[in-house]
Amino acid sequence: MFMVVVLKQKIKQEVRNVQGFSRQTMFVILIVCFICMVGLVYIGLHQKRGLGLQTFFQKLEKQKPTLLKVLPKIQIKHIAEYRKDRNPFGYEKLSGAKDKQSAAYGLQDFPLSELKLVGVVLQDNKFWAIIKTPDKRIHKATIGMRIGQNDGYITKITDWRVDVLERKIVVGDDWVEHTASLRLAGAEDDE
């Protein structure tokens, strides 16, 4: 600590002797020198930490390697084969597979004609359709959700109607888009 005080006094004397430097510049130089001194003291005191790492590696080099007597068994899972007959650009209905929305909402389990629109709710400037299924369950759906068994999805919800775009497969592995609607009971068509 005594050394730091002596160094500080010498720097102050040199600052007075130097012409052309501003006080701010000299103050910055003084702070940088002080930080360097503290860093050197810190490194000197904590140099023993590096020696611990060197001894660890020396012990590691002295150890003899251990060999495995029996190799672990590796399980190979079955990898699906590529179907050459499938057209990657054509529409193909998945057999019995349902997406996450179907599992969550159950609206793809029934044909669109069996679903009933029982209400429409406006929440945070977003319309939600309240739909009742034949098994007496109530589901909440919004635009973009899957509905019906013909790979339909909701395209528009108004105060009294839900528009659905369905894809129906026709002869020859071709499909056609078809628009359908669910209406509230007793609602009159305004459009």
N, C-alpha and C. Protein backbone atom coordinates (compact mmCIF):
# COMPACT_ATOMS: atom_id res chain seq x y z
N MET A 1 0.83 -1.19 0.00
CA MET A 1 0.00 0.00 0.00
C MET A 1 0.88 1.25 0.00
N PHE A 2 2.00 1.16 0.73
CA PHE A 2 2.93 2.28 0.79
C PHE A 2 3.45 2.61 -0.60
N MET A 3 3.70 1.55 -1.39
CA MET A 3 4.21 1.72 -2.74
C MET A 3 3.22 2.46 -3.63
N VAL A 4 1.97 2.19 -3.46
CA VAL A 4 0.93 2.84 -4.25
C VAL A 4 0.86 4.33 -3.92
N VAL A 5 1.00 4.67 -2.62
CA VAL A 5 0.95 6.09 -2.20
C VAL A 5 2.14 6.84 -2.77
N VAL A 6 3.32 6.22 -2.72
CA VAL A 6 4.53 6.87 -3.25
C VAL A 6 4.39 7.06 -4.75
N LEU A 7 3.88 6.03 -5.44
CA LEU A 7 3.69 6.12 -6.89
C LEU A 7 2.70 7.22 -7.24
N LYS A 8 1.68 7.35 -6.44
CA LYS A 8 0.65 8.37 -6.67
C LYS A 8 1.24 9.77 -6.53
N GLN A 9 2.10 9.97 -5.52
CA GLN A 9 2.73 11.27 -5.31
C GLN A 9 3.67 11.60 -6.45
N LYS A 10 4.45 10.62 -6.93
CA LYS A 10 5.37 10.86 -8.05
C LYS A 10 4.60 11.23 -9.31
N ILE A 11 3.47 10.56 -9.54
CA ILE A 11 2.67 10.87 -10.73
C ILE A 11 2.12 12.28 -10.64
N LYS A 12 1.69 12.69 -9.46
CA LYS A 12 1.18 14.07 -9.29
C LYS A 12 2.28 15.10 -9.58
N GLN A 13 3.52 14.82 -9.14
CA GLN A 13 4.63 15.74 -9.41
C GLN A 13 4.90 15.82 -10.91
N GLU A 14 4.88 14.66 -11.58
CA GLU A 14 5.11 14.65 -13.03
C GLU A 14 4.00 15.39 -13.78
N VAL A 15 2.79 15.29 -13.25
CA VAL A 15 1.67 15.98 -13.90
C VAL A 15 1.90 17.48 -13.85
N ARG A 16 2.40 17.97 -12.77
CA ARG A 16 2.66 19.42 -12.66
C ARG A 16 3.77 19.85 -13.60
N ASN A 17 4.75 18.97 -13.82
CA ASN A 17 5.91 19.31 -14.66
C ASN A 17 5.59 19.26 -16.15
N VAL A 18 4.65 18.44 -16.56
CA VAL A 18 4.36 18.26 -17.98
C VAL A 18 3.53 19.43 -18.47
N GLN A 19 3.97 20.02 -19.58
CA GLN A 19 3.25 21.12 -20.19
C GLN A 19 2.45 20.60 -21.38
N GLY A 20 1.30 21.12 -21.65
CA GLY A 20 0.51 20.75 -22.82
C GLY A 20 -0.55 19.70 -22.56
N PHE A 21 -0.52 18.97 -21.45
CA PHE A 21 -1.56 17.99 -21.13
C PHE A 21 -2.61 18.64 -20.25
N SER A 22 -3.85 18.30 -20.49
CA SER A 22 -4.92 18.82 -19.65
C SER A 22 -5.02 17.98 -18.37
N ARG A 23 -5.68 18.51 -17.39
CA ARG A 23 -5.85 17.80 -16.13
C ARG A 23 -6.66 16.51 -16.33
N GLN A 24 -7.64 16.56 -17.22
CA GLN A 24 -8.47 15.38 -17.46
C GLN A 24 -7.63 14.24 -18.06
N THR A 25 -6.76 14.56 -18.99
CA THR A 25 -5.92 13.55 -19.62
C THR A 25 -5.00 12.91 -18.58
N MET A 26 -4.42 13.71 -17.75
CA MET A 26 -3.53 13.19 -16.72
C MET A 26 -4.29 12.35 -15.70
N PHE A 27 -5.50 12.76 -15.40
CA PHE A 27 -6.32 11.99 -14.45
C PHE A 27 -6.64 10.61 -15.03
N VAL A 28 -6.93 10.55 -16.33
CA VAL A 28 -7.20 9.27 -16.99
C VAL A 28 -5.95 8.38 -16.96
N ILE A 29 -4.79 8.97 -17.23
CA ILE A 29 -3.54 8.21 -17.19
C ILE A 29 -3.29 7.67 -15.79
N LEU A 30 -3.57 8.48 -14.79
CA LEU A 30 -3.40 8.06 -13.40
C LEU A 30 -4.31 6.88 -13.06
N ILE A 31 -5.56 6.93 -13.50
CA ILE A 31 -6.51 5.84 -13.24
C ILE A 31 -6.05 4.56 -13.94
N VAL A 32 -5.58 4.67 -15.16
CA VAL A 32 -5.12 3.49 -15.91
C VAL A 32 -3.92 2.87 -15.21
N CYS A 33 -3.00 3.67 -14.74
CA CYS A 33 -1.83 3.14 -14.02
C CYS A 33 -2.26 2.43 -12.75
N PHE A 34 -3.22 3.01 -12.04
CA PHE A 34 -3.69 2.40 -10.80
C PHE A 34 -4.35 1.05 -11.07
N ILE A 35 -5.14 1.00 -12.12
CA ILE A 35 -5.81 -0.26 -12.47
C ILE A 35 -4.78 -1.32 -12.86
N CYS A 36 -3.75 -0.93 -13.58
CA CYS A 36 -2.69 -1.88 -13.95
C CYS A 36 -1.98 -2.42 -12.72
N MET A 37 -1.70 -1.55 -11.76
CA MET A 37 -1.03 -1.98 -10.53
C MET A 37 -1.89 -2.97 -9.77
N VAL A 38 -3.20 -2.69 -9.64
CA VAL A 38 -4.10 -3.59 -8.94
C VAL A 38 -4.17 -4.93 -9.66
N GLY A 39 -4.19 -4.91 -10.98
CA GLY A 39 -4.23 -6.14 -11.75
C GLY A 39 -2.99 -6.99 -11.55
N LEU A 40 -1.82 -6.35 -11.53
CA LEU A 40 -0.58 -7.10 -11.32
C LEU A 40 -0.54 -7.72 -9.92
N VAL A 41 -0.99 -6.98 -8.91
CA VAL A 41 -1.04 -7.53 -7.56
C VAL A 41 -1.99 -8.72 -7.51
N TYR A 42 -3.15 -8.60 -8.14
CA TYR A 42 -4.14 -9.69 -8.15
C TYR A 42 -3.57 -10.94 -8.82
N ILE A 43 -2.91 -10.76 -9.95
CA ILE A 43 -2.33 -11.90 -10.66
C ILE A 43 -1.25 -12.57 -9.82
N GLY A 44 -0.44 -11.76 -9.14
CA GLY A 44 0.61 -12.31 -8.29
C GLY A 44 0.05 -13.13 -7.14
N LEU A 45 -1.04 -12.68 -6.54
CA LEU A 45 -1.62 -13.39 -5.41
C LEU A 45 -2.35 -14.66 -5.82
N HIS A 46 -2.91 -14.69 -7.01
CA HIS A 46 -3.76 -15.81 -7.44
C HIS A 46 -3.09 -16.70 -8.47
N GLN A 47 -1.77 -16.66 -8.54
CA GLN A 47 -1.07 -17.49 -9.51
C GLN A 47 -1.09 -18.96 -9.13
N LYS A 48 -1.34 -19.27 -7.88
CA LYS A 48 -1.37 -20.65 -7.42
C LYS A 48 -2.50 -21.45 -8.05
N ARG A 49 -3.56 -20.79 -8.47
CA ARG A 49 -4.69 -21.51 -9.08
C ARG A 49 -4.26 -22.25 -10.34
N GLY A 50 -3.41 -21.66 -11.13
CA GLY A 50 -2.93 -22.30 -12.35
C GLY A 50 -2.11 -23.54 -12.07
N LEU A 51 -1.40 -23.55 -10.95
CA LEU A 51 -0.60 -24.72 -10.58
C LEU A 51 -1.48 -25.91 -10.28
N GLY A 52 -2.67 -25.69 -9.72
CA GLY A 52 -3.59 -26.78 -9.44
C GLY A 52 -4.03 -27.48 -10.71
N LEU A 53 -4.23 -26.72 -11.77
CA LEU A 53 -4.63 -27.29 -13.05
C LEU A 53 -3.49 -28.10 -13.66
N GLN A 54 -2.27 -27.62 -13.52
CA GLN A 54 -1.11 -28.36 -14.04
C GLN A 54 -0.95 -29.69 -13.31
N THR A 55 -1.11 -29.70 -12.00
CA THR A 55 -0.98 -30.97 -11.26
C THR A 55 -2.08 -31.94 -11.63
N PHE A 56 -3.28 -31.44 -11.90
CA PHE A 56 -4.38 -32.31 -12.33
C PHE A 56 -4.03 -33.02 -13.63
N PHE A 57 -3.48 -32.28 -14.60
CA PHE A 57 -3.13 -32.90 -15.87
C PHE A 57 -1.94 -33.85 -15.72
N GLN A 58 -1.03 -33.55 -14.82
CA GLN A 58 0.09 -34.47 -14.59
C GLN A 58 -0.41 -35.79 -14.01
N LYS A 59 -1.36 -35.73 -13.06
CA LYS A 59 -1.94 -36.95 -12.50
C LYS A 59 -2.70 -37.73 -13.57
N LEU A 60 -3.39 -37.02 -14.44
CA LEU A 60 -4.17 -37.66 -15.49
C LEU A 60 -3.25 -38.39 -16.47
N GLU A 61 -2.09 -37.83 -16.77
CA GLU A 61 -1.15 -38.46 -17.68
C GLU A 61 -0.57 -39.73 -17.08
N LYS A 62 -0.41 -39.78 -15.76
CA LYS A 62 0.17 -40.94 -15.08
C LYS A 62 -0.79 -42.13 -15.01
N GLN A 63 -2.10 -41.87 -15.10
CA GLN A 63 -3.08 -42.95 -15.01
C GLN A 63 -3.01 -43.84 -16.23
N LYS A 64 -3.25 -45.13 -16.00
CA LYS A 64 -3.27 -46.07 -17.11
C LYS A 64 -4.68 -46.12 -17.69
N PRO A 65 -4.80 -46.20 -19.01
CA PRO A 65 -6.14 -46.28 -19.62
C PRO A 65 -6.81 -47.61 -19.29
N THR A 66 -8.12 -47.56 -19.11
CA THR A 66 -8.88 -48.79 -18.84
C THR A 66 -9.61 -49.20 -20.11
N LEU A 67 -9.57 -50.48 -20.40
CA LEU A 67 -10.22 -50.99 -21.60
C LEU A 67 -11.57 -51.59 -21.24
N LEU A 68 -12.53 -51.42 -22.11
CA LEU A 68 -13.85 -52.01 -21.92
C LEU A 68 -13.79 -53.49 -22.32
N LYS A 69 -14.34 -54.34 -21.47
CA LYS A 69 -14.35 -55.77 -21.79
C LYS A 69 -15.48 -56.12 -22.74
N VAL A 70 -16.65 -55.51 -22.53
CA VAL A 70 -17.81 -55.78 -23.37
C VAL A 70 -18.31 -54.44 -23.92
N LEU A 71 -18.47 -54.39 -25.22
CA LEU A 71 -18.99 -53.17 -25.83
C LEU A 71 -20.49 -53.04 -25.55
N PRO A 72 -20.96 -51.83 -25.33
CA PRO A 72 -22.41 -51.66 -25.11
C PRO A 72 -23.18 -51.96 -26.39
N LYS A 73 -24.40 -52.50 -26.22
CA LYS A 73 -25.24 -52.82 -27.37
C LYS A 73 -25.93 -51.56 -27.87
N ILE A 74 -25.99 -51.45 -29.18
CA ILE A 74 -26.63 -50.30 -29.81
C ILE A 74 -27.93 -50.78 -30.44
N GLN A 75 -29.02 -50.10 -30.11
CA GLN A 75 -30.31 -50.45 -30.69
C GLN A 75 -30.52 -49.62 -31.95
N ILE A 76 -30.83 -50.29 -33.04
CA ILE A 76 -31.11 -49.60 -34.29
C ILE A 76 -32.61 -49.58 -34.49
N LYS A 77 -33.15 -48.38 -34.60
CA LYS A 77 -34.58 -48.24 -34.82
C LYS A 77 -34.90 -48.39 -36.31
N HIS A 78 -36.12 -48.85 -36.58
CA HIS A 78 -36.55 -49.04 -37.96
C HIS A 78 -36.72 -47.68 -38.63
N ILE A 79 -36.15 -47.54 -39.80
CA ILE A 79 -36.25 -46.29 -40.55
C ILE A 79 -37.23 -46.53 -41.68
N ALA A 80 -38.17 -45.59 -41.83
CA ALA A 80 -39.20 -45.72 -42.86
C ALA A 80 -38.56 -45.63 -44.24
N GLU A 81 -39.08 -46.40 -45.15
CA GLU A 81 -38.58 -46.39 -46.52
C GLU A 81 -39.31 -45.35 -47.34
N TYR A 82 -38.62 -44.83 -48.32
CA TYR A 82 -39.20 -43.84 -49.23
C TYR A 82 -40.12 -44.54 -50.22
N ARG A 83 -41.32 -44.00 -50.35
CA ARG A 83 -42.28 -44.58 -51.31
C ARG A 83 -42.11 -43.88 -52.65
N LYS A 84 -41.70 -44.62 -53.65
CA LYS A 84 -41.48 -44.03 -54.96
C LYS A 84 -42.78 -43.73 -55.69
N ASP A 85 -43.85 -44.44 -55.33
CA ASP A 85 -45.12 -44.25 -56.04
C ASP A 85 -45.87 -42.99 -55.56
N ARG A 86 -45.43 -42.37 -54.49
CA ARG A 86 -46.11 -41.19 -53.95
C ARG A 86 -45.70 -39.93 -54.71
N ASN A 87 -46.68 -39.13 -55.10
CA ASN A 87 -46.43 -37.87 -55.79
C ASN A 87 -46.21 -36.78 -54.74
N PRO A 88 -45.02 -36.18 -54.65
CA PRO A 88 -44.77 -35.18 -53.62
C PRO A 88 -45.55 -33.88 -53.83
N PHE A 89 -46.08 -33.65 -55.06
CA PHE A 89 -46.81 -32.44 -55.34
C PHE A 89 -48.32 -32.62 -55.30
N GLY A 90 -48.77 -33.85 -55.11
CA GLY A 90 -50.20 -34.12 -55.08
C GLY A 90 -50.73 -34.09 -53.66
N TYR A 91 -52.03 -34.00 -53.55
CA TYR A 91 -52.69 -34.01 -52.24
C TYR A 91 -52.99 -35.44 -51.86
N GLU A 92 -52.59 -35.81 -50.65
CA GLU A 92 -52.83 -37.17 -50.19
C GLU A 92 -53.44 -37.10 -48.80
N LYS A 93 -54.59 -37.72 -48.64
CA LYS A 93 -55.24 -37.73 -47.34
C LYS A 93 -54.58 -38.81 -46.48
N LEU A 94 -54.21 -38.42 -45.28
CA LEU A 94 -53.56 -39.36 -44.37
C LEU A 94 -54.58 -40.34 -43.84
N SER A 95 -54.21 -41.57 -43.78
CA SER A 95 -55.14 -42.60 -43.34
C SER A 95 -55.17 -42.67 -41.82
N GLY A 96 -56.22 -42.18 -41.24
CA GLY A 96 -56.42 -42.26 -39.81
C GLY A 96 -55.55 -41.34 -38.99
N ALA A 97 -54.66 -40.61 -39.61
CA ALA A 97 -53.79 -39.71 -38.85
C ALA A 97 -54.50 -38.39 -38.62
N LYS A 98 -54.37 -37.89 -37.44
CA LYS A 98 -55.00 -36.62 -37.09
C LYS A 98 -53.92 -35.67 -36.60
N ASP A 99 -54.06 -34.39 -36.93
CA ASP A 99 -53.05 -33.44 -36.47
C ASP A 99 -53.31 -33.03 -35.02
N LYS A 100 -52.47 -32.17 -34.49
CA LYS A 100 -52.56 -31.76 -33.09
C LYS A 100 -53.86 -31.04 -32.80
N GLN A 101 -54.35 -30.26 -33.75
CA GLN A 101 -55.59 -29.54 -33.52
C GLN A 101 -56.75 -30.51 -33.37
N SER A 102 -56.74 -31.59 -34.12
CA SER A 102 -57.82 -32.57 -34.02
C SER A 102 -57.85 -33.19 -32.65
N ALA A 103 -56.67 -33.55 -32.14
CA ALA A 103 -56.60 -34.16 -30.81
C ALA A 103 -57.05 -33.17 -29.75
N ALA A 104 -56.73 -31.90 -29.95
CA ALA A 104 -57.06 -30.90 -28.94
C ALA A 104 -58.52 -30.50 -29.01
N TYR A 105 -59.09 -30.43 -30.18
CA TYR A 105 -60.44 -29.88 -30.31
C TYR A 105 -61.49 -30.90 -30.74
N GLY A 106 -61.11 -31.99 -31.39
CA GLY A 106 -62.05 -33.03 -31.78
C GLY A 106 -63.04 -32.60 -32.84
N LEU A 107 -62.76 -31.56 -33.57
CA LEU A 107 -63.69 -31.07 -34.60
C LEU A 107 -63.50 -31.79 -35.93
N GLN A 108 -62.47 -32.60 -36.08
CA GLN A 108 -62.28 -33.36 -37.32
C GLN A 108 -62.85 -34.76 -37.21
N ASP A 109 -63.42 -35.10 -36.08
CA ASP A 109 -63.98 -36.43 -35.89
C ASP A 109 -65.36 -36.59 -36.51
N PHE A 110 -66.01 -35.49 -36.87
CA PHE A 110 -67.38 -35.53 -37.37
C PHE A 110 -67.47 -34.78 -38.70
N PRO A 111 -68.43 -35.19 -39.56
CA PRO A 111 -68.65 -34.43 -40.79
C PRO A 111 -69.17 -33.03 -40.46
N LEU A 112 -68.91 -32.10 -41.34
CA LEU A 112 -69.31 -30.71 -41.13
C LEU A 112 -70.83 -30.58 -40.97
N SER A 113 -71.59 -31.44 -41.64
CA SER A 113 -73.05 -31.36 -41.58
C SER A 113 -73.59 -31.72 -40.19
N GLU A 114 -72.82 -32.45 -39.37
CA GLU A 114 -73.28 -32.84 -38.04
C GLU A 114 -72.86 -31.85 -36.95
N LEU A 115 -72.02 -30.89 -37.29
CA LEU A 115 -71.58 -29.89 -36.32
C LEU A 115 -72.57 -28.72 -36.30
N LYS A 116 -72.79 -28.14 -35.11
CA LYS A 116 -73.73 -27.02 -34.97
C LYS A 116 -73.03 -25.83 -34.36
N LEU A 117 -73.24 -24.67 -34.97
CA LEU A 117 -72.73 -23.42 -34.43
C LEU A 117 -73.73 -22.93 -33.38
N VAL A 118 -73.29 -22.86 -32.12
CA VAL A 118 -74.22 -22.46 -31.05
C VAL A 118 -73.93 -21.06 -30.53
N GLY A 119 -72.81 -20.45 -30.95
CA GLY A 119 -72.52 -19.10 -30.50
C GLY A 119 -71.23 -18.58 -31.10
N VAL A 120 -71.09 -17.25 -31.03
CA VAL A 120 -69.88 -16.58 -31.48
C VAL A 120 -69.48 -15.60 -30.39
N VAL A 121 -68.21 -15.61 -30.01
CA VAL A 121 -67.71 -14.76 -28.93
C VAL A 121 -66.62 -13.86 -29.50
N LEU A 122 -66.65 -12.58 -29.12
CA LEU A 122 -65.59 -11.64 -29.50
C LEU A 122 -64.72 -11.43 -28.27
N GLN A 123 -63.45 -11.84 -28.37
CA GLN A 123 -62.53 -11.71 -27.24
C GLN A 123 -61.23 -11.12 -27.75
N ASP A 124 -60.81 -9.99 -27.21
CA ASP A 124 -59.58 -9.30 -27.62
C ASP A 124 -59.56 -9.04 -29.13
N ASN A 125 -60.67 -8.53 -29.66
CA ASN A 125 -60.82 -8.22 -31.09
C ASN A 125 -60.62 -9.44 -31.98
N LYS A 126 -60.97 -10.61 -31.48
CA LYS A 126 -60.85 -11.85 -32.24
C LYS A 126 -62.13 -12.66 -32.03
N PHE A 127 -62.72 -13.11 -33.14
CA PHE A 127 -63.93 -13.92 -33.05
C PHE A 127 -63.59 -15.37 -32.75
N TRP A 128 -64.36 -15.98 -31.87
CA TRP A 128 -64.25 -17.40 -31.55
C TRP A 128 -65.61 -18.03 -31.78
N ALA A 129 -65.63 -19.14 -32.51
CA ALA A 129 -66.87 -19.86 -32.77
C ALA A 129 -67.06 -20.91 -31.68
N ILE A 130 -68.28 -21.01 -31.15
CA ILE A 130 -68.62 -22.04 -30.18
C ILE A 130 -69.40 -23.10 -30.94
N ILE A 131 -68.81 -24.30 -31.07
CA ILE A 131 -69.37 -25.36 -31.91
C ILE A 131 -69.70 -26.57 -31.05
N LYS A 132 -70.89 -27.15 -31.31
CA LYS A 132 -71.35 -28.33 -30.58
C LYS A 132 -71.26 -29.53 -31.51
N THR A 133 -70.66 -30.63 -30.99
CA THR A 133 -70.52 -31.86 -31.76
C THR A 133 -71.68 -32.80 -31.43
N PRO A 134 -71.90 -33.84 -32.25
CA PRO A 134 -73.01 -34.77 -31.98
C PRO A 134 -72.90 -35.49 -30.64
N ASP A 135 -71.71 -35.60 -30.09
CA ASP A 135 -71.56 -36.24 -28.78
C ASP A 135 -71.79 -35.26 -27.63
N LYS A 136 -72.42 -34.11 -27.93
CA LYS A 136 -72.83 -33.09 -26.97
C LYS A 136 -71.67 -32.33 -26.33
N ARG A 137 -70.51 -32.33 -26.96
CA ARG A 137 -69.38 -31.57 -26.44
C ARG A 137 -69.35 -30.20 -27.11
N ILE A 138 -68.87 -29.21 -26.36
CA ILE A 138 -68.76 -27.85 -26.85
C ILE A 138 -67.28 -27.55 -27.09
N HIS A 139 -66.97 -26.99 -28.27
CA HIS A 139 -65.59 -26.67 -28.64
C HIS A 139 -65.50 -25.21 -29.04
N LYS A 140 -64.34 -24.59 -28.74
CA LYS A 140 -64.07 -23.21 -29.12
C LYS A 140 -63.07 -23.25 -30.27
N ALA A 141 -63.36 -22.55 -31.37
CA ALA A 141 -62.48 -22.57 -32.54
C ALA A 141 -62.35 -21.17 -33.11
N THR A 142 -61.24 -20.93 -33.79
CA THR A 142 -61.01 -19.64 -34.42
C THR A 142 -60.47 -19.85 -35.84
N ILE A 143 -60.19 -18.77 -36.52
CA ILE A 143 -59.74 -18.83 -37.92
C ILE A 143 -58.45 -19.64 -38.02
N GLY A 144 -58.40 -20.54 -39.01
CA GLY A 144 -57.23 -21.37 -39.26
C GLY A 144 -57.30 -22.75 -38.65
N MET A 145 -58.25 -22.99 -37.75
CA MET A 145 -58.34 -24.30 -37.11
C MET A 145 -59.03 -25.30 -38.03
N ARG A 146 -58.63 -26.56 -37.92
CA ARG A 146 -59.20 -27.64 -38.73
C ARG A 146 -60.57 -28.02 -38.21
N ILE A 147 -61.46 -28.35 -39.16
CA ILE A 147 -62.84 -28.70 -38.80
C ILE A 147 -63.41 -29.61 -39.88
N GLY A 148 -64.21 -30.58 -39.51
CA GLY A 148 -64.84 -31.50 -40.46
C GLY A 148 -63.90 -32.61 -40.89
N GLN A 149 -64.47 -33.58 -41.61
CA GLN A 149 -63.69 -34.74 -42.03
C GLN A 149 -63.07 -34.59 -43.41
N ASN A 150 -63.34 -33.50 -44.09
CA ASN A 150 -62.81 -33.30 -45.44
C ASN A 150 -61.64 -32.30 -45.43
N ASP A 151 -60.79 -32.40 -44.42
CA ASP A 151 -59.62 -31.51 -44.31
C ASP A 151 -59.99 -30.04 -44.45
N GLY A 152 -61.07 -29.65 -43.81
CA GLY A 152 -61.49 -28.26 -43.86
C GLY A 152 -60.82 -27.44 -42.77
N TYR A 153 -60.78 -26.13 -43.02
CA TYR A 153 -60.30 -25.22 -41.99
C TYR A 153 -61.11 -23.93 -42.06
N ILE A 154 -61.22 -23.28 -40.91
CA ILE A 154 -62.06 -22.08 -40.79
C ILE A 154 -61.35 -20.91 -41.45
N THR A 155 -62.08 -20.23 -42.36
CA THR A 155 -61.50 -19.09 -43.07
C THR A 155 -62.06 -17.75 -42.59
N LYS A 156 -63.30 -17.75 -42.06
CA LYS A 156 -63.92 -16.49 -41.65
C LYS A 156 -64.96 -16.76 -40.57
N ILE A 157 -65.04 -15.86 -39.59
CA ILE A 157 -66.06 -15.95 -38.55
C ILE A 157 -66.72 -14.58 -38.45
N THR A 158 -68.06 -14.58 -38.56
CA THR A 158 -68.83 -13.34 -38.40
C THR A 158 -69.72 -13.49 -37.17
N ASP A 159 -70.60 -12.52 -36.96
CA ASP A 159 -71.50 -12.55 -35.80
C ASP A 159 -72.42 -13.78 -35.82
N TRP A 160 -72.73 -14.30 -36.99
CA TRP A 160 -73.74 -15.35 -37.10
C TRP A 160 -73.34 -16.53 -37.98
N ARG A 161 -72.09 -16.51 -38.52
CA ARG A 161 -71.72 -17.55 -39.48
C ARG A 161 -70.22 -17.86 -39.38
N VAL A 162 -69.89 -19.13 -39.69
CA VAL A 162 -68.50 -19.59 -39.79
C VAL A 162 -68.30 -20.16 -41.19
N ASP A 163 -67.36 -19.60 -41.95
CA ASP A 163 -67.05 -20.11 -43.29
C ASP A 163 -65.89 -21.10 -43.20
N VAL A 164 -66.05 -22.23 -43.90
CA VAL A 164 -65.07 -23.31 -43.87
C VAL A 164 -64.67 -23.65 -45.30
N LEU A 165 -63.38 -23.80 -45.54
CA LEU A 165 -62.88 -24.23 -46.85
C LEU A 165 -62.50 -25.70 -46.71
N GLU A 166 -63.22 -26.57 -47.48
CA GLU A 166 -62.99 -28.01 -47.42
C GLU A 166 -62.31 -28.48 -48.70
N ARG A 167 -61.59 -29.58 -48.58
CA ARG A 167 -60.97 -30.20 -49.74
C ARG A 167 -61.61 -31.57 -49.90
N LYS A 168 -62.27 -31.78 -51.01
CA LYS A 168 -62.91 -33.07 -51.27
C LYS A 168 -62.16 -33.79 -52.38
N ILE A 169 -61.91 -35.07 -52.16
CA ILE A 169 -61.24 -35.89 -53.16
C ILE A 169 -62.26 -36.36 -54.18
N VAL A 170 -61.94 -36.18 -55.44
CA VAL A 170 -62.82 -36.64 -56.52
C VAL A 170 -62.12 -37.78 -57.25
N VAL A 171 -62.74 -38.31 -58.27
CA VAL A 171 -62.22 -39.46 -59.00
C VAL A 171 -60.85 -39.14 -59.60
N GLY A 172 -59.94 -40.10 -59.49
CA GLY A 172 -58.61 -39.95 -60.11
C GLY A 172 -57.59 -39.30 -59.20
N ASP A 173 -57.70 -39.44 -57.91
CA ASP A 173 -56.76 -38.87 -56.95
C ASP A 173 -56.61 -37.36 -57.09
N ASP A 174 -57.64 -36.71 -57.55
CA ASP A 174 -57.64 -35.26 -57.67
C ASP A 174 -58.53 -34.71 -56.57
N TRP A 175 -58.36 -33.47 -56.21
CA TRP A 175 -59.19 -32.89 -55.15
C TRP A 175 -59.65 -31.50 -55.54
N VAL A 176 -60.77 -31.10 -54.95
CA VAL A 176 -61.39 -29.82 -55.25
C VAL A 176 -61.68 -29.10 -53.94
N GLU A 177 -61.45 -27.79 -53.92
CA GLU A 177 -61.77 -27.00 -52.74
C GLU A 177 -63.23 -26.58 -52.82
N HIS A 178 -63.90 -26.63 -51.68
CA HIS A 178 -65.33 -26.33 -51.61
C HIS A 178 -65.56 -25.49 -50.36
N THR A 179 -66.36 -24.42 -50.49
CA THR A 179 -66.66 -23.55 -49.36
C THR A 179 -67.99 -23.96 -48.75
N ALA A 180 -68.02 -24.10 -47.43
CA ALA A 180 -69.24 -24.43 -46.70
C ALA A 180 -69.36 -23.47 -45.53
N SER A 181 -70.53 -23.44 -44.90
CA SER A 181 -70.76 -22.53 -43.78
C SER A 181 -71.54 -23.22 -42.68
N LEU A 182 -71.27 -22.82 -41.46
CA LEU A 182 -72.08 -23.18 -40.30
C LEU A 182 -72.78 -21.89 -39.87
N ARG A 183 -74.10 -21.97 -39.65
CA ARG A 183 -74.86 -20.77 -39.28
C ARG A 183 -75.52 -20.97 -37.94
N LEU A 184 -75.69 -19.87 -37.23
CA LEU A 184 -76.43 -19.90 -35.97
C LEU A 184 -77.88 -20.22 -36.25
N ALA A 185 -78.52 -20.97 -35.37
CA ALA A 185 -79.93 -21.28 -35.54
C ALA A 185 -80.74 -20.00 -35.44
N GLY A 186 -81.58 -19.73 -36.42
CA GLY A 186 -82.45 -18.56 -36.42
C GLY A 186 -81.79 -17.32 -36.98
N ALA A 187 -80.52 -17.40 -37.42
CA ALA A 187 -79.85 -16.23 -37.97
C ALA A 187 -80.26 -16.03 -39.42
N GLU A 188 -80.46 -14.79 -39.80
CA GLU A 188 -80.84 -14.46 -41.17
C GLU A 188 -79.61 -14.05 -41.95
N ASP A 189 -79.61 -14.39 -43.22
CA ASP A 189 -78.48 -14.10 -44.10
C ASP A 189 -78.50 -12.63 -44.49
N ASP A 190 -77.47 -11.85 -44.06
CA ASP A 190 -77.38 -10.43 -44.37
C ASP A 190 -76.69 -10.17 -45.69
N GLU A 191 -75.86 -11.06 -46.12
CA GLU A 191 -75.07 -10.82 -47.33
C GLU A 191 -75.78 -11.32 -48.56
